[in-house]
Amino acid sequence: MSYLFENFKGWKSYCEERELDLFEPVLEYEMDQGDKKEEEVWSGLQNAFSVMKEAVHTGLTEEMKSRSGMINDGAKKVYNHPLAVLSPEFQKLISRALAAKEVNSCMGRVVAAPTAGASGILPGTLYTLQEIHQLEDKKILEGLLVGAGIALIIEQNASLAGAVGGCQAETGSAAAMASGAMVYCLGGNIDQVFNAVAITIQCMLGLVCDPVAGLVEVPCVVRNASAAAIANSSAQIALANVSGVIPVDECIEAMGEIGASMENKYKETALGGLAATLTGKSVAQKVLINDIEILPDEESAD
């Protein structure tokens, strides 16, 4: 019987009692719950990572213009801008997170990690981490398993859905998955991995889900970039053994409490926040009118 990922404390104990690496209980879980052989799990992970990298490449090389007009090749503009705020590596990180999420907003192929709305964070972070540190794919795949374990516990004790917990549940969870995975991939111990998750969650608590026009474009795309940056900063802090003070399980508990108390207009309804601004309402009306105008032509074409 595999470990069921009820909390981080239990995950740590399970690993220590059986002398397992952090990813191994997740591998067991995938094999047990999905009735899969080990090679099938690794093959699926390899395919997922390939799709992540393809999404980054697509977003940086092909035209990315959404039907609403709100997405217009932003990732390429950032990637090719001659002035970097911090470093070329940071510029690439941000661009890659934007790129993969723009592919999603333009109806392309992505990996929901853990959701499509947060699909740029793990590709941006892990692609860049692998490039900087010359990591083997196998280590990245182990990191993806660690990220999956993190998501399982968040889902159990809070939520992964913007409609339930706000954007903290989507980009926040993805950033936590990414920071934990990065610390693991760089040789961090269990406490450092879990501390990275705790710090990330602390930075993302209370983030609302307020998509303009109800589309997963604004502010979702730029939040993928900022969440990728938070994931990296949290990983760096955790690797230096700077404590987040509040244990990770308590951070997830707080995340769940905040999500439950959040007003519905801030949970993917497009009724509050940026969606309720004058410009947000104007964009929504324009998108709706365009859809109405397009429908007759599409129906007649059928």
Protein backbone atom coordinates (compact mmCIF):
# COMPACT_ATOMS: atom_id res chain seq x y z
CA MET A 1 0.00 0.00 0.00
CA SER A 2 1.47 3.36 -1.06
CA TYR A 3 1.58 6.48 1.09
CA LEU A 4 -1.58 8.57 0.54
CA PHE A 5 -0.01 12.03 0.98
CA GLU A 6 -2.12 13.37 3.81
CA ASN A 7 0.50 15.87 5.01
CA PHE A 8 4.16 16.79 4.72
CA LYS A 9 5.00 15.48 8.18
CA GLY A 10 3.76 12.04 7.20
CA TRP A 11 5.61 12.13 3.88
CA LYS A 12 8.87 12.88 5.68
CA SER A 13 8.33 10.11 8.24
CA TYR A 14 7.47 7.61 5.52
CA CYS A 15 10.71 8.39 3.69
CA GLU A 16 12.90 8.32 6.80
CA GLU A 17 11.45 5.06 8.15
CA ARG A 18 12.01 3.29 4.82
CA GLU A 19 15.19 5.15 3.80
CA LEU A 20 13.58 6.41 0.60
CA ASP A 21 14.37 9.42 -1.54
CA LEU A 22 11.61 12.02 -1.52
CA PHE A 23 10.36 11.13 -4.99
CA GLU A 24 10.07 7.38 -4.35
CA PRO A 25 6.77 7.39 -2.38
CA VAL A 26 5.23 9.44 -5.21
CA LEU A 27 6.46 6.88 -7.71
CA GLU A 28 4.88 4.15 -5.59
CA TYR A 29 1.66 6.13 -5.43
CA GLU A 30 1.54 6.58 -9.20
CA MET A 31 2.12 2.89 -9.78
CA ASP A 32 -0.43 1.86 -7.17
CA GLN A 33 -3.21 4.34 -7.89
CA GLY A 34 -2.80 4.27 -11.65
CA ASP A 35 -2.12 0.53 -11.88
CA LYS A 36 1.04 1.27 -13.87
CA LYS A 37 4.44 -0.31 -14.20
CA GLU A 38 7.43 1.78 -13.19
CA GLU A 39 8.61 2.24 -16.75
CA GLU A 40 5.17 3.57 -17.70
CA VAL A 41 5.38 6.24 -15.03
CA TRP A 42 8.84 7.35 -16.17
CA SER A 43 7.70 7.35 -19.79
CA GLY A 44 4.71 9.53 -18.92
CA LEU A 45 6.92 11.95 -17.02
CA GLN A 46 9.36 12.16 -19.92
CA ASN A 47 6.49 12.91 -22.27
CA ALA A 48 5.17 15.58 -19.92
CA PHE A 49 8.55 17.29 -19.67
CA SER A 50 8.92 17.15 -23.46
CA VAL A 51 5.54 18.84 -23.88
CA MET A 52 6.58 21.50 -21.36
CA LYS A 53 9.74 22.26 -23.32
CA GLU A 54 7.82 22.23 -26.60
CA ALA A 55 5.37 24.77 -25.18
CA VAL A 56 8.26 27.05 -24.23
CA HIS A 57 9.76 26.70 -27.72
CA THR A 58 6.41 27.30 -29.41
CA GLY A 59 5.70 30.39 -27.36
CA LEU A 60 9.09 31.87 -28.21
CA THR A 61 9.13 31.06 -31.93
CA GLU A 62 5.55 31.08 -33.23
CA GLU A 63 2.89 33.78 -33.37
CA MET A 64 1.06 34.00 -30.06
CA LYS A 65 -2.03 36.16 -30.51
CA SER A 66 -5.19 35.20 -28.69
CA ARG A 67 -8.66 35.67 -30.14
CA SER A 68 -9.43 38.32 -27.53
CA GLY A 69 -6.36 40.34 -28.53
CA MET A 70 -5.08 40.49 -24.96
CA ILE A 71 -2.18 38.13 -25.72
CA ASN A 72 0.16 39.47 -28.40
CA ASP A 73 3.61 37.84 -28.49
CA GLY A 74 4.57 39.09 -25.05
CA ALA A 75 7.01 36.29 -24.27
CA LYS A 76 9.11 36.97 -27.37
CA LYS A 77 9.24 40.67 -26.56
CA VAL A 78 10.57 39.95 -23.07
CA TYR A 79 13.00 37.27 -24.30
CA ASN A 80 14.50 39.56 -26.95
CA HIS A 81 14.57 42.79 -24.97
CA PRO A 82 18.14 44.16 -24.88
CA LEU A 83 18.01 45.34 -21.25
CA ALA A 84 17.85 42.74 -18.48
CA VAL A 85 16.65 43.82 -15.04
CA LEU A 86 18.65 41.21 -13.11
CA SER A 87 20.49 38.77 -15.37
CA PRO A 88 20.09 37.04 -18.73
CA GLU A 89 19.15 33.85 -16.87
CA PHE A 90 16.36 35.65 -15.01
CA GLN A 91 15.15 37.16 -18.27
CA LYS A 92 15.00 33.69 -19.81
CA LEU A 93 13.13 32.32 -16.79
CA ILE A 94 10.43 34.98 -17.04
CA SER A 95 10.17 34.67 -20.82
CA ARG A 96 9.81 30.90 -20.71
CA ALA A 97 7.08 31.00 -18.08
CA LEU A 98 5.24 33.57 -20.19
CA ALA A 99 5.77 31.54 -23.35
CA ALA A 100 4.29 28.28 -22.10
CA LYS A 101 1.30 30.07 -20.58
CA GLU A 102 0.71 32.07 -23.78
CA VAL A 103 0.54 28.77 -25.67
CA ASN A 104 -2.27 27.74 -23.33
CA SER A 105 -4.10 31.04 -23.82
CA CYS A 106 -3.79 30.61 -27.59
CA MET A 107 -5.30 27.11 -27.42
CA GLY A 108 -2.00 25.25 -27.80
CA ARG A 109 -0.73 22.08 -26.13
CA VAL A 110 0.48 22.36 -22.54
CA VAL A 111 0.79 20.30 -19.37
CA ALA A 112 -1.69 21.24 -16.65
CA ALA A 113 0.75 21.44 -13.75
CA PRO A 114 -1.34 21.43 -11.68
CA THR A 115 -3.81 23.42 -13.83
CA ALA A 116 -3.81 24.92 -17.32
CA GLY A 117 -4.01 28.37 -15.74
CA ALA A 118 -0.64 27.76 -14.09
CA SER A 119 0.92 25.83 -16.97
CA GLY A 120 3.89 28.15 -17.49
CA ILE A 121 5.48 27.94 -14.06
CA LEU A 122 7.02 24.46 -13.99
CA PRO A 123 8.19 24.68 -17.63
CA GLY A 124 9.81 28.06 -17.06
CA THR A 125 11.56 27.09 -13.84
CA LEU A 126 12.68 23.56 -14.66
CA TYR A 127 13.74 24.34 -18.24
CA THR A 128 15.96 27.15 -16.93
CA LEU A 129 17.25 25.17 -13.95
CA GLN A 130 18.29 22.31 -16.20
CA GLU A 131 20.07 24.69 -18.57
CA ILE A 132 21.97 26.52 -15.82
CA HIS A 133 23.06 23.42 -13.90
CA GLN A 134 23.31 20.95 -16.79
CA LEU A 135 20.99 18.48 -15.04
CA GLU A 136 20.08 15.14 -16.56
CA ASP A 137 16.46 14.60 -17.58
CA LYS A 138 16.18 11.84 -14.96
CA LYS A 139 16.80 14.32 -12.14
CA ILE A 140 14.19 16.70 -13.56
CA LEU A 141 11.68 13.84 -13.78
CA GLU A 142 12.35 12.99 -10.15
CA GLY A 143 11.71 16.67 -9.40
CA LEU A 144 8.39 16.45 -11.22
CA LEU A 145 7.42 13.55 -8.96
CA VAL A 146 8.33 15.64 -5.91
CA GLY A 147 6.18 18.44 -7.32
CA ALA A 148 3.31 15.99 -7.81
CA GLY A 149 3.57 14.90 -4.16
CA ILE A 150 3.41 18.54 -3.09
CA ALA A 151 0.29 19.05 -5.21
CA LEU A 152 -1.39 15.96 -3.76
CA ILE A 153 -1.05 17.32 -0.23
CA ILE A 154 -2.22 20.81 -1.21
CA GLU A 155 -5.25 19.32 -2.95
CA GLN A 156 -6.03 17.25 0.15
CA ASN A 157 -5.78 20.14 2.62
CA ALA A 158 -6.59 23.26 0.58
CA SER A 159 -7.29 23.32 -3.18
CA LEU A 160 -5.68 23.45 -6.60
CA ALA A 161 -8.64 25.20 -8.26
CA GLY A 162 -9.09 28.93 -8.70
CA ALA A 163 -12.86 28.47 -8.44
CA VAL A 164 -12.38 27.06 -4.93
CA GLY A 165 -9.37 28.87 -3.49
CA GLY A 166 -8.52 31.78 -5.77
CA CYS A 167 -5.30 32.15 -7.75
CA GLN A 168 -3.27 31.21 -4.67
CA ALA A 169 -4.58 27.70 -5.35
CA GLU A 170 -3.41 27.70 -8.97
CA THR A 171 -0.28 29.80 -9.48
CA GLY A 172 0.49 29.51 -5.76
CA SER A 173 0.39 25.73 -5.83
CA ALA A 174 2.39 25.58 -9.07
CA ALA A 175 5.05 27.87 -7.61
CA ALA A 176 5.22 25.68 -4.49
CA MET A 177 5.61 22.59 -6.67
CA ALA A 178 8.36 24.31 -8.65
CA SER A 179 10.32 25.59 -5.65
CA GLY A 180 10.24 22.20 -3.94
CA ALA A 181 11.24 20.45 -7.15
CA MET A 182 14.14 22.84 -7.72
CA VAL A 183 15.51 22.40 -4.21
CA TYR A 184 15.29 18.63 -4.61
CA CYS A 185 17.01 18.71 -8.00
CA LEU A 186 19.90 20.71 -6.53
CA GLY A 187 20.47 18.21 -3.73
CA GLY A 188 18.47 19.82 -0.96
CA ASN A 189 17.32 17.65 1.93
CA ILE A 190 13.70 17.00 2.89
CA ASP A 191 13.52 19.89 5.35
CA GLN A 192 14.90 22.30 2.76
CA VAL A 193 12.45 21.11 0.13
CA PHE A 194 9.48 21.50 2.46
CA ASN A 195 10.75 24.86 3.72
CA ALA A 196 10.84 26.08 0.11
CA VAL A 197 7.20 25.07 -0.25
CA ALA A 198 6.29 26.86 2.98
CA ILE A 199 8.06 30.08 1.95
CA THR A 200 6.42 30.02 -1.47
CA ILE A 201 2.94 29.55 -0.03
CA GLN A 202 3.56 32.40 2.42
CA CYS A 203 4.36 34.66 -0.53
CA MET A 204 1.26 33.65 -2.49
CA LEU A 205 -1.41 33.60 0.24
CA GLY A 206 -4.59 35.51 -0.56
CA LEU A 207 -4.02 35.93 -4.30
CA VAL A 208 -7.44 36.25 -5.95
CA CYS A 209 -8.61 34.75 -9.23
CA ASP A 210 -10.02 37.64 -11.28
CA PRO A 211 -9.71 36.79 -15.01
CA VAL A 212 -10.67 39.65 -17.32
CA ALA A 213 -13.63 38.63 -19.50
CA GLY A 214 -13.52 35.25 -17.81
CA LEU A 215 -10.55 34.26 -19.98
CA VAL A 216 -7.37 32.69 -18.62
CA GLU A 217 -5.24 35.45 -20.13
CA VAL A 218 -5.14 38.61 -17.99
CA PRO A 219 -3.73 38.66 -15.35
CA CYS A 220 -3.06 34.91 -15.56
CA VAL A 221 -0.16 34.99 -18.03
CA VAL A 222 1.93 37.59 -16.18
CA ARG A 223 1.16 35.87 -12.87
CA ASN A 224 2.84 32.75 -14.22
CA ALA A 225 5.99 34.80 -14.72
CA SER A 226 5.86 36.40 -11.28
CA ALA A 227 5.09 33.05 -9.63
CA ALA A 228 8.10 31.52 -11.38
CA ALA A 229 10.24 34.32 -9.90
CA ILE A 230 8.81 33.68 -6.42
CA ALA A 231 9.50 29.96 -6.80
CA ASN A 232 13.14 30.70 -7.58
CA SER A 233 13.59 33.15 -4.72
CA SER A 234 11.97 30.70 -2.28
CA ALA A 235 14.24 27.89 -3.47
CA GLN A 236 17.30 30.08 -3.02
CA ILE A 237 16.23 31.10 0.49
CA ALA A 238 15.49 27.50 1.50
CA LEU A 239 18.79 26.18 0.16
CA ALA A 240 20.56 28.72 2.38
CA ASN A 241 18.74 27.22 5.40
CA VAL A 242 16.76 30.35 6.14
CA SER A 243 13.63 29.15 7.90
CA GLY A 244 10.14 30.20 6.90
CA VAL A 245 9.32 29.75 10.63
CA ILE A 246 5.76 28.52 10.00
CA PRO A 247 5.82 24.76 9.20
CA VAL A 248 4.68 23.80 5.73
CA ASP A 249 1.59 21.89 6.89
CA GLU A 250 0.42 24.96 8.80
CA CYS A 251 0.99 27.11 5.72
CA ILE A 252 -1.22 24.80 3.66
CA GLU A 253 -3.85 24.88 6.42
CA ALA A 254 -3.80 28.69 6.29
CA MET A 255 -4.11 28.55 2.51
CA GLY A 256 -7.23 26.40 2.82
CA GLU A 257 -8.76 28.70 5.43
CA ILE A 258 -8.15 31.79 3.31
CA GLY A 259 -9.60 30.12 0.21
CA ALA A 260 -12.73 29.07 2.09
CA SER A 261 -13.32 32.58 3.45
CA MET A 262 -12.63 34.37 0.16
CA GLU A 263 -15.67 35.98 -1.47
CA ASN A 264 -16.97 34.20 -4.57
CA LYS A 265 -16.36 37.25 -6.75
CA TYR A 266 -12.64 36.65 -6.24
CA LYS A 267 -12.77 32.98 -7.25
CA GLU A 268 -12.78 32.67 -11.05
CA THR A 269 -16.19 34.32 -11.53
CA ALA A 270 -14.85 37.42 -13.34
CA LEU A 271 -17.02 39.51 -11.00
CA GLY A 272 -14.30 41.13 -8.89
CA GLY A 273 -10.77 42.46 -8.92
CA LEU A 274 -9.26 43.31 -12.31
CA ALA A 275 -12.24 41.82 -14.12
CA ALA A 276 -14.51 44.40 -12.47
CA THR A 277 -12.46 47.45 -13.48
CA LEU A 278 -13.76 49.80 -16.18
CA THR A 279 -11.22 48.48 -18.66
CA GLY A 280 -11.88 44.88 -17.64
CA LYS A 281 -15.60 45.32 -18.26
CA SER A 282 -14.92 47.03 -21.58
CA VAL A 283 -12.73 44.15 -22.72
CA ALA A 284 -15.37 41.65 -21.64
CA GLN A 285 -18.06 43.46 -23.63
CA LYS A 286 -15.85 43.64 -26.71
CA VAL A 287 -14.99 39.93 -26.51
CA LEU A 288 -18.67 39.03 -26.10
CA ILE A 289 -19.69 41.16 -29.09
CA ASN A 290 -16.97 39.59 -31.24
CA ASP A 291 -18.16 36.11 -30.29
CA ILE A 292 -21.75 37.00 -31.20
CA GLU A 293 -20.64 38.40 -34.57
CA ILE A 294 -18.54 35.33 -35.36
CA LEU A 295 -21.17 32.73 -34.48
CA PRO A 296 -23.47 33.20 -37.54
CA ASP A 297 -20.55 32.77 -39.96
CA GLU A 298 -19.38 29.64 -38.15
CA GLU A 299 -22.90 28.19 -38.16
CA SER A 300 -23.39 28.91 -41.85
CA ALA A 301 -20.05 27.29 -42.61
CA ASP A 302 -21.34 24.10 -41.00
